[in-house]
């Protein structure tokens, strides 16, 4: 990550870092006895870091610093190291296979998670890197989504395939793939309507989109990205479980990290599912969506300078 984005990441995660820092500062003034370590474990779980990570951090401190007065910086350093170790397993860029054209990416998620904006930012990113992009506006329930995607498409020089309000999303995806093939595009990004993860009928529509795409290309979609809103905290775990089971999610994008104190939820997501985290977002501009780097995220999350 460049210095500019690192500064935005630290600023974006400031609320998450503050919720940890206040508790750690109090513990740092005491000896790390059983009571203090229990309080630290509770603090880490309350910060959405999950019980597995909390247990690892407390275990490390119990072995190395039990009964000793431990400074705030040392506790933060142990925490950052354990977070980075957990997240390193899921740090993975989204790589397009040059042998597959178009590379088809289906983007899914619940209402308001930031799917359409994320697709627009990805289109601009790959366009800047020299890839030709087609966008499919398959959120046919929300006219604003099509309009929003058209704006992003214009910025990225990408064709946008859209239909009338209420059009069949699967048929539109099929048409977009046909156009992307005809134009020899490198990448097809498919937007989908936001849907609650506990609504079976809406989830089934995603299955229909996949089945229709496979009629044209048995390997499509080549990637299924789940866009998660960091502000939902632990509910992201339930969303990931349902979308993974229903549609075969291959990677995650975490958005809105600048608007929450719950950024730590990425840690239990990594522990529970092991899905690649391709991108994180800390703002509205295209430059605010960047590839995920575990070490930088971990340090920013606990308020340490990189």
C-alpha atoms as a PDB file:
ATOM      1  CA  UNK A   1       0.000   0.000   0.000  1.00  0.00           C
ATOM      2  CA  UNK A   2       1.222   3.503  -0.714  1.00  0.00           C
ATOM      3  CA  UNK A   3       1.605   6.082   2.050  1.00  0.00           C
ATOM      4  CA  UNK A   4      -1.524   7.982   1.027  1.00  0.00           C
ATOM      5  CA  UNK A   5      -3.767   4.968   1.306  1.00  0.00           C
ATOM      6  CA  UNK A   6      -2.089   3.859   4.528  1.00  0.00           C
ATOM      7  CA  UNK A   7      -2.945   7.211   6.070  1.00  0.00           C
ATOM      8  CA  UNK A   8      -6.564   6.822   4.945  1.00  0.00           C
ATOM      9  CA  UNK A   9      -6.633   3.270   6.269  1.00  0.00           C
ATOM     10  CA  UNK A  10      -5.377   4.387   9.679  1.00  0.00           C
ATOM     11  CA  UNK A  11      -7.916   7.204   9.697  1.00  0.00           C
ATOM     12  CA  UNK A  12     -10.675   4.873   8.551  1.00  0.00           C
ATOM     13  CA  UNK A  13      -9.921   2.331  11.250  1.00  0.00           C
ATOM     14  CA  UNK A  14      -9.500   4.983  13.951  1.00  0.00           C
ATOM     15  CA  UNK A  15     -12.853   4.162  15.557  1.00  0.00           C
ATOM     16  CA  UNK A  16     -12.017   0.474  15.665  1.00  0.00           C
ATOM     17  CA  UNK A  17      -8.545   1.255  17.049  1.00  0.00           C
ATOM     18  CA  UNK A  18      -9.950   3.625  19.675  1.00  0.00           C
ATOM     19  CA  UNK A  19     -12.320   0.999  21.054  1.00  0.00           C
ATOM     20  CA  UNK A  20      -9.320  -1.273  21.617  1.00  0.00           C
ATOM     21  CA  UNK A  21      -6.908   1.400  22.815  1.00  0.00           C
ATOM     22  CA  UNK A  22      -9.079   2.631  25.666  1.00  0.00           C
ATOM     23  CA  UNK A  23      -9.351  -0.853  27.151  1.00  0.00           C
ATOM     24  CA  UNK A  24      -5.707  -1.745  26.586  1.00  0.00           C
ATOM     25  CA  UNK A  25      -4.562   1.507  28.202  1.00  0.00           C
ATOM     26  CA  UNK A  26      -6.354   0.541  31.410  1.00  0.00           C
ATOM     27  CA  UNK A  27      -4.875  -2.941  31.458  1.00  0.00           C
ATOM     28  CA  UNK A  28      -1.367  -1.668  30.808  1.00  0.00           C
ATOM     29  CA  UNK A  29      -1.335   0.009  34.219  1.00  0.00           C
ATOM     30  CA  UNK A  30      -1.768  -3.324  36.009  1.00  0.00           C
ATOM     31  CA  UNK A  31       0.041  -6.604  36.415  1.00  0.00           C
ATOM     32  CA  UNK A  32      -1.122  -9.199  33.920  1.00  0.00           C
ATOM     33  CA  UNK A  33      -2.741 -11.611  36.334  1.00  0.00           C
ATOM     34  CA  UNK A  34      -5.673 -13.936  35.590  1.00  0.00           C
ATOM     35  CA  UNK A  35      -8.210 -11.181  36.165  1.00  0.00           C
ATOM     36  CA  UNK A  36      -6.460  -8.749  33.822  1.00  0.00           C
ATOM     37  CA  UNK A  37      -6.079 -11.385  31.102  1.00  0.00           C
ATOM     38  CA  UNK A  38      -9.752 -12.331  31.401  1.00  0.00           C
ATOM     39  CA  UNK A  39     -10.654  -8.661  30.952  1.00  0.00           C
ATOM     40  CA  UNK A  40      -8.397  -8.425  27.908  1.00  0.00           C
ATOM     41  CA  UNK A  41     -10.010 -11.504  26.390  1.00  0.00           C
ATOM     42  CA  UNK A  42     -13.470 -10.006  26.920  1.00  0.00           C
ATOM     43  CA  UNK A  43     -12.288  -6.722  25.408  1.00  0.00           C
ATOM     44  CA  UNK A  44     -11.019  -8.418  22.253  1.00  0.00           C
ATOM     45  CA  UNK A  45     -14.216 -10.414  21.777  1.00  0.00           C
ATOM     46  CA  UNK A  46     -16.305  -7.256  22.310  1.00  0.00           C
ATOM     47  CA  UNK A  47     -14.194  -5.551  19.618  1.00  0.00           C
ATOM     48  CA  UNK A  48     -15.427  -8.168  17.102  1.00  0.00           C
ATOM     49  CA  UNK A  49     -12.038  -9.862  16.882  1.00  0.00           C
ATOM     50  CA  UNK A  50     -13.561 -13.227  17.757  1.00  0.00           C
ATOM     51  CA  UNK A  51     -12.868 -15.769  20.518  1.00  0.00           C
ATOM     52  CA  UNK A  52     -10.148 -17.631  18.617  1.00  0.00           C
ATOM     53  CA  UNK A  53      -7.951 -14.554  18.186  1.00  0.00           C
ATOM     54  CA  UNK A  54      -8.659 -13.408  21.744  1.00  0.00           C
ATOM     55  CA  UNK A  55      -7.524 -16.781  23.085  1.00  0.00           C
ATOM     56  CA  UNK A  56      -4.297 -16.667  21.041  1.00  0.00           C
ATOM     57  CA  UNK A  57      -3.376 -13.180  22.266  1.00  0.00           C
ATOM     58  CA  UNK A  58      -4.107 -14.012  25.896  1.00  0.00           C
ATOM     59  CA  UNK A  59      -2.196 -17.292  25.574  1.00  0.00           C
ATOM     60  CA  UNK A  60       0.878 -15.500  24.240  1.00  0.00           C
ATOM     61  CA  UNK A  61       0.801 -12.883  26.991  1.00  0.00           C
ATOM     62  CA  UNK A  62       0.207 -15.551  29.647  1.00  0.00           C
ATOM     63  CA  UNK A  63       3.339 -17.386  28.529  1.00  0.00           C
ATOM     64  CA  UNK A  64       5.560 -14.335  28.166  1.00  0.00           C
ATOM     65  CA  UNK A  65       4.290 -11.622  30.515  1.00  0.00           C
ATOM     66  CA  UNK A  66       2.153 -13.250  33.217  1.00  0.00           C
ATOM     67  CA  UNK A  67       2.444 -11.499  36.572  1.00  0.00           C
ATOM     68  CA  UNK A  68       4.435  -8.633  35.097  1.00  0.00           C
ATOM     69  CA  UNK A  69       3.531  -5.049  34.411  1.00  0.00           C
ATOM     70  CA  UNK A  70       3.257  -4.769  30.645  1.00  0.00           C
ATOM     71  CA  UNK A  71       3.231  -1.565  28.650  1.00  0.00           C
ATOM     72  CA  UNK A  72       0.447  -0.600  26.277  1.00  0.00           C
ATOM     73  CA  UNK A  73       2.792  -0.706  23.284  1.00  0.00           C
ATOM     74  CA  UNK A  74       3.807  -4.276  24.069  1.00  0.00           C
ATOM     75  CA  UNK A  75       0.204  -5.466  24.320  1.00  0.00           C
ATOM     76  CA  UNK A  76      -0.601  -3.718  21.045  1.00  0.00           C
ATOM     77  CA  UNK A  77       2.412  -5.305  19.355  1.00  0.00           C
ATOM     78  CA  UNK A  78       1.377  -8.822  20.417  1.00  0.00           C
ATOM     79  CA  UNK A  79      -2.181  -8.125  19.268  1.00  0.00           C
ATOM     80  CA  UNK A  80      -1.045  -6.768  15.885  1.00  0.00           C
ATOM     81  CA  UNK A  81       1.232  -9.772  15.351  1.00  0.00           C
ATOM     82  CA  UNK A  82      -1.544 -12.285  16.054  1.00  0.00           C
ATOM     83  CA  UNK A  83      -4.010 -10.391  13.841  1.00  0.00           C
ATOM     84  CA  UNK A  84      -1.478 -10.223  10.995  1.00  0.00           C
ATOM     85  CA  UNK A  85      -0.702 -13.932  11.350  1.00  0.00           C
ATOM     86  CA  UNK A  86      -4.395 -14.826  11.149  1.00  0.00           C
ATOM     87  CA  UNK A  87      -5.095 -12.522   8.225  1.00  0.00           C
ATOM     88  CA  UNK A  88      -1.981 -13.414   6.228  1.00  0.00           C
ATOM     89  CA  UNK A  89      -3.689 -16.671   5.256  1.00  0.00           C
ATOM     90  CA  UNK A  90      -6.431 -14.780   3.413  1.00  0.00           C
ATOM     91  CA  UNK A  91      -4.386 -11.977   1.857  1.00  0.00           C
ATOM     92  CA  UNK A  92      -4.828 -12.574  -1.866  1.00  0.00           C
ATOM     93  CA  UNK A  93      -5.122 -10.217  -4.831  1.00  0.00           C
ATOM     94  CA  UNK A  94      -7.831 -10.799  -7.412  1.00  0.00           C
ATOM     95  CA  UNK A  95      -5.860 -12.110 -10.348  1.00  0.00           C
ATOM     96  CA  UNK A  96      -7.457 -12.371 -13.783  1.00  0.00           C
ATOM     97  CA  UNK A  97      -6.487 -15.471 -15.737  1.00  0.00           C
ATOM     98  CA  UNK A  98      -5.091 -14.124 -19.038  1.00  0.00           C
ATOM     99  CA  UNK A  99      -6.100 -17.381 -20.729  1.00  0.00           C
ATOM    100  CA  UNK A 100      -9.775 -16.713 -19.925  1.00  0.00           C
ATOM    101  CA  UNK A 101     -11.531 -13.953 -21.863  1.00  0.00           C
ATOM    102  CA  UNK A 102     -13.780 -12.602 -20.687  1.00  0.00           C
ATOM    103  CA  UNK A 103     -13.018 -13.354 -17.056  1.00  0.00           C
ATOM    104  CA  UNK A 104     -16.472 -13.330 -15.449  1.00  0.00           C
ATOM    105  CA  UNK A 105     -16.872 -11.932 -11.927  1.00  0.00           C
ATOM    106  CA  UNK A 106     -20.255 -12.178 -10.204  1.00  0.00           C
ATOM    107  CA  UNK A 107     -20.646  -9.669  -7.368  1.00  0.00           C
ATOM    108  CA  UNK A 108     -23.148 -10.449  -4.599  1.00  0.00           C
ATOM    109  CA  UNK A 109     -24.194  -9.180  -1.191  1.00  0.00           C
ATOM    110  CA  UNK A 110     -27.016  -7.793   0.912  1.00  0.00           C
ATOM    111  CA  UNK A 111     -28.828  -4.511   0.384  1.00  0.00           C
ATOM    112  CA  UNK A 112     -26.701  -1.439   0.980  1.00  0.00           C
ATOM    113  CA  UNK A 113     -23.399  -3.276   1.229  1.00  0.00           C
ATOM    114  CA  UNK A 114     -21.756  -1.273  -1.542  1.00  0.00           C
ATOM    115  CA  UNK A 115     -21.838  -3.737  -4.457  1.00  0.00           C
ATOM    116  CA  UNK A 116     -22.502  -1.268  -7.266  1.00  0.00           C
ATOM    117  CA  UNK A 117     -19.911   1.224  -6.027  1.00  0.00           C
ATOM    118  CA  UNK A 118     -17.388  -1.582  -5.591  1.00  0.00           C
ATOM    119  CA  UNK A 119     -17.972  -2.783  -9.152  1.00  0.00           C
ATOM    120  CA  UNK A 120     -17.462   0.743 -10.447  1.00  0.00           C
ATOM    121  CA  UNK A 121     -14.191   1.080  -8.553  1.00  0.00           C
ATOM    122  CA  UNK A 122     -13.002  -2.315  -9.811  1.00  0.00           C
ATOM    123  CA  UNK A 123     -13.891  -1.352 -13.384  1.00  0.00           C
ATOM    124  CA  UNK A 124     -11.814   1.806 -13.067  1.00  0.00           C
ATOM    125  CA  UNK A 125      -8.918  -0.084 -11.477  1.00  0.00           C
ATOM    126  CA  UNK A 126      -8.722  -2.745 -14.178  1.00  0.00           C
ATOM    127  CA  UNK A 127      -9.281  -0.201 -16.954  1.00  0.00           C
ATOM    128  CA  UNK A 128      -6.334   1.813 -15.631  1.00  0.00           C
ATOM    129  CA  UNK A 129      -4.271  -1.378 -15.737  1.00  0.00           C
ATOM    130  CA  UNK A 130      -5.097  -1.791 -19.432  1.00  0.00           C
ATOM    131  CA  UNK A 131      -7.973  -4.282 -19.240  1.00  0.00           C
ATOM    132  CA  UNK A 132     -11.125  -3.876 -21.328  1.00  0.00           C
ATOM    133  CA  UNK A 133     -14.220  -4.139 -19.154  1.00  0.00           C
ATOM    134  CA  UNK A 134     -17.945  -4.793 -19.646  1.00  0.00           C
ATOM    135  CA  UNK A 135     -20.423  -4.151 -16.841  1.00  0.00           C
ATOM    136  CA  UNK A 136     -23.741  -5.967 -16.468  1.00  0.00           C
ATOM    137  CA  UNK A 137     -26.427  -4.048 -14.570  1.00  0.00           C
ATOM    138  CA  UNK A 138     -28.312  -7.076 -13.240  1.00  0.00           C
ATOM    139  CA  UNK A 139     -29.807  -5.220 -10.303  1.00  0.00           C
ATOM    140  CA  UNK A 140     -32.998  -4.711 -12.282  1.00  0.00           C
ATOM    141  CA  UNK A 141     -35.094  -3.903  -9.205  1.00  0.00           C
ATOM    142  CA  UNK A 142     -33.369  -0.607  -8.451  1.00  0.00           C
ATOM    143  CA  UNK A 143     -33.241   1.962 -11.254  1.00  0.00           C
ATOM    144  CA  UNK A 144     -30.661   3.978  -9.328  1.00  0.00           C
ATOM    145  CA  UNK A 145     -28.258   1.029  -9.469  1.00  0.00           C
ATOM    146  CA  UNK A 146     -28.322   1.019 -13.270  1.00  0.00           C
ATOM    147  CA  UNK A 147     -27.820   4.778 -13.375  1.00  0.00           C
ATOM    148  CA  UNK A 148     -24.988   4.550 -10.878  1.00  0.00           C
ATOM    149  CA  UNK A 149     -23.292   1.804 -12.857  1.00  0.00           C
ATOM    150  CA  UNK A 150     -23.629   3.860 -16.055  1.00  0.00           C
ATOM    151  CA  UNK A 151     -21.743   6.727 -14.401  1.00  0.00           C
ATOM    152  CA  UNK A 152     -18.933   4.421 -13.309  1.00  0.00           C
ATOM    153  CA  UNK A 153     -18.887   2.782 -16.738  1.00  0.00           C
ATOM    154  CA  UNK A 154     -18.451   6.157 -18.387  1.00  0.00           C
ATOM    155  CA  UNK A 155     -15.515   6.956 -16.102  1.00  0.00           C
ATOM    156  CA  UNK A 156     -13.864   3.620 -16.829  1.00  0.00           C
ATOM    157  CA  UNK A 157     -14.586   3.529 -20.556  1.00  0.00           C
ATOM    158  CA  UNK A 158     -16.597   0.347 -19.996  1.00  0.00           C
ATOM    159  CA  UNK A 159     -19.696  -0.817 -21.871  1.00  0.00           C
ATOM    160  CA  UNK A 160     -22.724  -1.197 -19.614  1.00  0.00           C
ATOM    161  CA  UNK A 161     -25.355  -3.792 -20.487  1.00  0.00           C
ATOM    162  CA  UNK A 162     -28.710  -2.962 -18.907  1.00  0.00           C
ATOM    163  CA  UNK A 163     -32.399  -3.721 -19.368  1.00  0.00           C
ATOM    164  CA  UNK A 164     -35.805  -2.338 -18.473  1.00  0.00           C
ATOM    165  CA  UNK A 165     -36.798  -2.202 -14.779  1.00  0.00           C
ATOM    166  CA  UNK A 166     -37.795  -5.652 -13.587  1.00  0.00           C
ATOM    167  CA  UNK A 167     -36.067  -7.435 -16.477  1.00  0.00           C
ATOM    168  CA  UNK A 168     -34.893 -11.004 -15.954  1.00  0.00           C
ATOM    169  CA  UNK A 169     -31.479 -10.724 -14.296  1.00  0.00           C
ATOM    170  CA  UNK A 170     -30.262 -14.111 -15.538  1.00  0.00           C
ATOM    171  CA  UNK A 171     -31.156 -13.321 -19.141  1.00  0.00           C
ATOM    172  CA  UNK A 172     -29.388  -9.980 -18.857  1.00  0.00           C
ATOM    173  CA  UNK A 173     -26.260 -11.668 -17.514  1.00  0.00           C
ATOM    174  CA  UNK A 174     -26.354 -14.088 -20.458  1.00  0.00           C
ATOM    175  CA  UNK A 175     -26.622 -11.190 -22.932  1.00  0.00           C
ATOM    176  CA  UNK A 176     -23.766  -9.348 -21.220  1.00  0.00           C
ATOM    177  CA  UNK A 177     -21.522 -12.393 -21.525  1.00  0.00           C
ATOM    178  CA  UNK A 178     -22.377 -12.694 -25.216  1.00  0.00           C
ATOM    179  CA  UNK A 179     -21.484  -9.021 -25.771  1.00  0.00           C
ATOM    180  CA  UNK A 180     -18.260  -9.316 -23.772  1.00  0.00           C
ATOM    181  CA  UNK A 181     -17.258 -12.276 -25.924  1.00  0.00           C
ATOM    182  CA  UNK A 182     -18.131 -10.490 -29.136  1.00  0.00           C
ATOM    183  CA  UNK A 183     -16.053  -7.471 -28.135  1.00  0.00           C
ATOM    184  CA  UNK A 184     -13.221  -9.679 -26.834  1.00  0.00           C
ATOM    185  CA  UNK A 185     -13.358  -7.966 -23.448  1.00  0.00           C
ATOM    186  CA  UNK A 186     -10.926  -9.018 -20.756  1.00  0.00           C
ATOM    187  CA  UNK A 187     -13.352  -8.715 -17.859  1.00  0.00           C
ATOM    188  CA  UNK A 188     -17.108  -8.929 -17.272  1.00  0.00           C
ATOM    189  CA  UNK A 189     -18.322  -7.595 -13.921  1.00  0.00           C
ATOM    190  CA  UNK A 190     -21.902  -8.545 -13.047  1.00  0.00           C
ATOM    191  CA  UNK A 191     -23.843  -6.455 -10.548  1.00  0.00           C
ATOM    192  CA  UNK A 192     -26.749  -8.165  -8.763  1.00  0.00           C
ATOM    193  CA  UNK A 193     -29.663  -6.984  -6.697  1.00  0.00           C
ATOM    194  CA  UNK A 194     -29.030  -6.724  -2.987  1.00  0.00           C
ATOM    195  CA  UNK A 195     -30.790  -9.433  -1.080  1.00  0.00           C
ATOM    196  CA  UNK A 196     -31.117 -10.415   2.533  1.00  0.00           C
ATOM    197  CA  UNK A 197     -29.101 -13.539   3.156  1.00  0.00           C
ATOM    198  CA  UNK A 198     -32.082 -15.181   4.897  1.00  0.00           C
ATOM    199  CA  UNK A 199     -34.526 -14.816   1.969  1.00  0.00           C
ATOM    200  CA  UNK A 200     -34.465 -18.140   0.133  1.00  0.00           C
ATOM    201  CA  UNK A 201     -36.347 -16.982  -2.959  1.00  0.00           C
ATOM    202  CA  UNK A 202     -33.999 -14.089  -3.607  1.00  0.00           C
ATOM    203  CA  UNK A 203     -30.967 -16.260  -2.971  1.00  0.00           C
ATOM    204  CA  UNK A 204     -32.337 -18.780  -5.469  1.00  0.00           C
ATOM    205  CA  UNK A 205     -32.289 -16.085  -8.157  1.00  0.00           C
ATOM    206  CA  UNK A 206     -28.508 -15.950  -7.834  1.00  0.00           C
ATOM    207  CA  UNK A 207     -28.437 -19.668  -8.502  1.00  0.00           C
ATOM    208  CA  UNK A 208     -30.408 -19.069 -11.689  1.00  0.00           C
ATOM    209  CA  UNK A 209     -27.886 -16.454 -12.854  1.00  0.00           C
ATOM    210  CA  UNK A 210     -25.057 -18.948 -12.345  1.00  0.00           C
ATOM    211  CA  UNK A 211     -26.909 -21.731 -14.179  1.00  0.00           C
ATOM    212  CA  UNK A 212     -27.613 -19.472 -17.158  1.00  0.00           C
ATOM    213  CA  UNK A 213     -23.999 -18.280 -17.317  1.00  0.00           C
ATOM    214  CA  UNK A 214     -22.804 -21.891 -17.330  1.00  0.00           C
ATOM    215  CA  UNK A 215     -24.891 -22.591 -20.430  1.00  0.00           C
ATOM    216  CA  UNK A 216     -22.590 -20.205 -22.272  1.00  0.00           C
ATOM    217  CA  UNK A 217     -19.394 -21.029 -20.400  1.00  0.00           C
ATOM    218  CA  UNK A 218     -19.228 -24.065 -18.124  1.00  0.00           C
ATOM    219  CA  UNK A 219     -16.488 -22.427 -16.027  1.00  0.00           C
ATOM    220  CA  UNK A 220     -18.377 -19.166 -15.457  1.00  0.00           C
ATOM    221  CA  UNK A 221     -18.493 -17.290 -13.223  1.00  0.00           C
ATOM    222  CA  UNK A 222     -14.754 -17.504 -12.720  1.00  0.00           C
ATOM    223  CA  UNK A 223     -14.972 -15.584  -9.443  1.00  0.00           C
ATOM    224  CA  UNK A 224     -17.833 -14.801  -7.054  1.00  0.00           C
ATOM    225  CA  UNK A 225     -17.123 -11.808  -4.839  1.00  0.00           C
ATOM    226  CA  UNK A 226     -19.147 -11.194  -1.698  1.00  0.00           C
ATOM    227  CA  UNK A 227     -19.207  -7.524  -0.733  1.00  0.00           C
ATOM    228  CA  UNK A 228     -19.525  -7.081   3.032  1.00  0.00           C
ATOM    229  CA  UNK A 229     -20.356  -3.873   4.887  1.00  0.00           C
ATOM    230  CA  UNK A 230     -18.021  -3.592   7.886  1.00  0.00           C
ATOM    231  CA  UNK A 231     -20.652  -1.726   9.890  1.00  0.00           C
ATOM    232  CA  UNK A 232     -22.742  -4.906  10.328  1.00  0.00           C
ATOM    233  CA  UNK A 233     -20.079  -6.437  12.572  1.00  0.00           C
ATOM    234  CA  UNK A 234     -20.695 -10.048  13.542  1.00  0.00           C
ATOM    235  CA  UNK A 235     -23.654 -10.333  11.149  1.00  0.00           C
ATOM    236  CA  UNK A 236     -21.045 -10.523   8.390  1.00  0.00           C
ATOM    237  CA  UNK A 237     -20.353 -14.083   9.547  1.00  0.00           C
ATOM    238  CA  UNK A 238     -23.949 -15.174   8.930  1.00  0.00           C
ATOM    239  CA  UNK A 239     -23.985 -13.422   5.553  1.00  0.00           C
ATOM    240  CA  UNK A 240     -20.780 -15.131   4.486  1.00  0.00           C
ATOM    241  CA  UNK A 241     -22.021 -18.537   5.597  1.00  0.00           C
ATOM    242  CA  UNK A 242     -25.271 -18.256   3.633  1.00  0.00           C
ATOM    243  CA  UNK A 243     -23.811 -16.799   0.437  1.00  0.00           C
ATOM    244  CA  UNK A 244     -20.936 -19.295   0.454  1.00  0.00           C
ATOM    245  CA  UNK A 245     -23.281 -22.241   0.869  1.00  0.00           C
ATOM    246  CA  UNK A 246     -25.761 -20.976  -1.716  1.00  0.00           C
ATOM    247  CA  UNK A 247     -23.570 -19.571  -4.450  1.00  0.00           C
ATOM    248  CA  UNK A 248     -19.985 -20.706  -3.854  1.00  0.00           C
ATOM    249  CA  UNK A 249     -18.276 -17.442  -2.886  1.00  0.00           C
ATOM    250  CA  UNK A 250     -14.611 -17.381  -3.908  1.00  0.00           C
ATOM    251  CA  UNK A 251     -13.475 -14.121  -2.303  1.00  0.00           C
ATOM    252  CA  UNK A 252     -14.443 -11.178  -0.107  1.00  0.00           C
ATOM    253  CA  UNK A 253     -14.456  -7.394  -0.364  1.00  0.00           C
ATOM    254  CA  UNK A 254     -14.914  -5.448   2.881  1.00  0.00           C
ATOM    255  CA  UNK A 255     -16.315  -1.936   2.472  1.00  0.00           C
ATOM    256  CA  UNK A 256     -17.107   1.025   4.752  1.00  0.00           C
ATOM    257  CA  UNK A 257     -14.258   0.400   7.162  1.00  0.00           C
ATOM    258  CA  UNK A 258     -14.139   4.169   7.680  1.00  0.00           C
ATOM    259  CA  UNK A 259     -17.628   4.270   9.191  1.00  0.00           C
ATOM    260  CA  UNK A 260     -17.459   1.737  12.007  1.00  0.00           C
ATOM    261  CA  UNK A 261     -15.756   0.561  15.178  1.00  0.00           C
ATOM    262  CA  UNK A 262     -16.277  -3.039  13.996  1.00  0.00           C
ATOM    263  CA  UNK A 263     -13.403  -3.395  11.541  1.00  0.00           C
ATOM    264  CA  UNK A 264     -12.019  -6.279  13.570  1.00  0.00           C
ATOM    265  CA  UNK A 265     -14.707  -8.580  12.167  1.00  0.00           C
ATOM    266  CA  UNK A 266     -12.309  -9.476   9.347  1.00  0.00           C
ATOM    267  CA  UNK A 267     -10.381 -11.593  11.847  1.00  0.00           C
ATOM    268  CA  UNK A 268     -13.159 -14.080  12.752  1.00  0.00           C
ATOM    269  CA  UNK A 269     -14.151 -14.118   9.074  1.00  0.00           C
ATOM    270  CA  UNK A 270     -10.645 -15.309   8.232  1.00  0.00           C
ATOM    271  CA  UNK A 271     -10.676 -17.818  11.094  1.00  0.00           C
ATOM    272  CA  UNK A 272     -14.102 -19.209  10.253  1.00  0.00           C
ATOM    273  CA  UNK A 273     -14.051 -19.379   6.449  1.00  0.00           C
ATOM    274  CA  UNK A 274     -10.521 -18.867   5.141  1.00  0.00           C
ATOM    275  CA  UNK A 275     -11.887 -17.100   2.054  1.00  0.00           C
ATOM    276  CA  UNK A 276      -9.464 -14.777   0.250  1.00  0.00           C
ATOM    277  CA  UNK A 277      -9.899 -11.102   1.109  1.00  0.00           C
ATOM    278  CA  UNK A 278      -9.202  -9.331  -2.163  1.00  0.00           C
ATOM    279  CA  UNK A 279     -10.004  -5.699  -1.386  1.00  0.00           C
ATOM    280  CA  UNK A 280     -10.888  -3.331   1.430  1.00  0.00           C
ATOM    281  CA  UNK A 281     -12.576   0.054   1.143  1.00  0.00           C
ATOM    282  CA  UNK A 282     -12.196   3.126   3.349  1.00  0.00           C
ATOM    283  CA  UNK A 283     -14.012   5.803   1.348  1.00  0.00           C
ATOM    284  CA  UNK A 284     -16.084   6.751  -1.672  1.00  0.00           C
ATOM    285  CA  UNK A 285     -13.471   7.484  -4.330  1.00  0.00           C
ATOM    286  CA  UNK A 286     -12.055   4.859  -6.682  1.00  0.00           C
ATOM    287  CA  UNK A 287      -8.668   5.244  -4.986  1.00  0.00           C
ATOM    288  CA  UNK A 288     -10.181   4.223  -1.638  1.00  0.00           C
ATOM    289  CA  UNK A 289     -10.606   0.575  -2.685  1.00  0.00           C
ATOM    290  CA  UNK A 290      -7.276  -1.224  -2.515  1.00  0.00           C
ATOM    291  CA  UNK A 291      -5.897  -4.755  -2.360  1.00  0.00           C
ATOM    292  CA  UNK A 292      -5.897  -6.128   1.165  1.00  0.00           C
ATOM    293  CA  UNK A 293      -2.520  -6.244   2.969  1.00  0.00           C
ATOM    294  CA  UNK A 294      -2.726  -8.120   6.273  1.00  0.00           C
ATOM    295  CA  UNK A 295       0.217  -6.506   8.052  1.00  0.00           C
ATOM    296  CA  UNK A 296      -0.884  -2.946   7.257  1.00  0.00           C
ATOM    297  CA  UNK A 297      -4.463  -3.703   8.269  1.00  0.00           C
ATOM    298  CA  UNK A 298      -3.384  -5.297  11.559  1.00  0.00           C
ATOM    299  CA  UNK A 299      -1.212  -2.363  12.596  1.00  0.00           C
ATOM    300  CA  UNK A 300      -3.864   0.173  11.633  1.00  0.00           C
ATOM    301  CA  UNK A 301      -6.501  -1.774  13.529  1.00  0.00           C
ATOM    302  CA  UNK A 302      -4.577  -1.552  16.789  1.00  0.00           C
ATOM    303  CA  UNK A 303      -3.383   2.009  16.221  1.00  0.00           C
ATOM    304  CA  UNK A 304       0.267   1.282  15.457  1.00  0.00           C
ATOM    305  CA  UNK A 305       2.254   3.168  12.838  1.00  0.00           C
ATOM    306  CA  UNK A 306       3.407   0.993   9.949  1.00  0.00           C
END
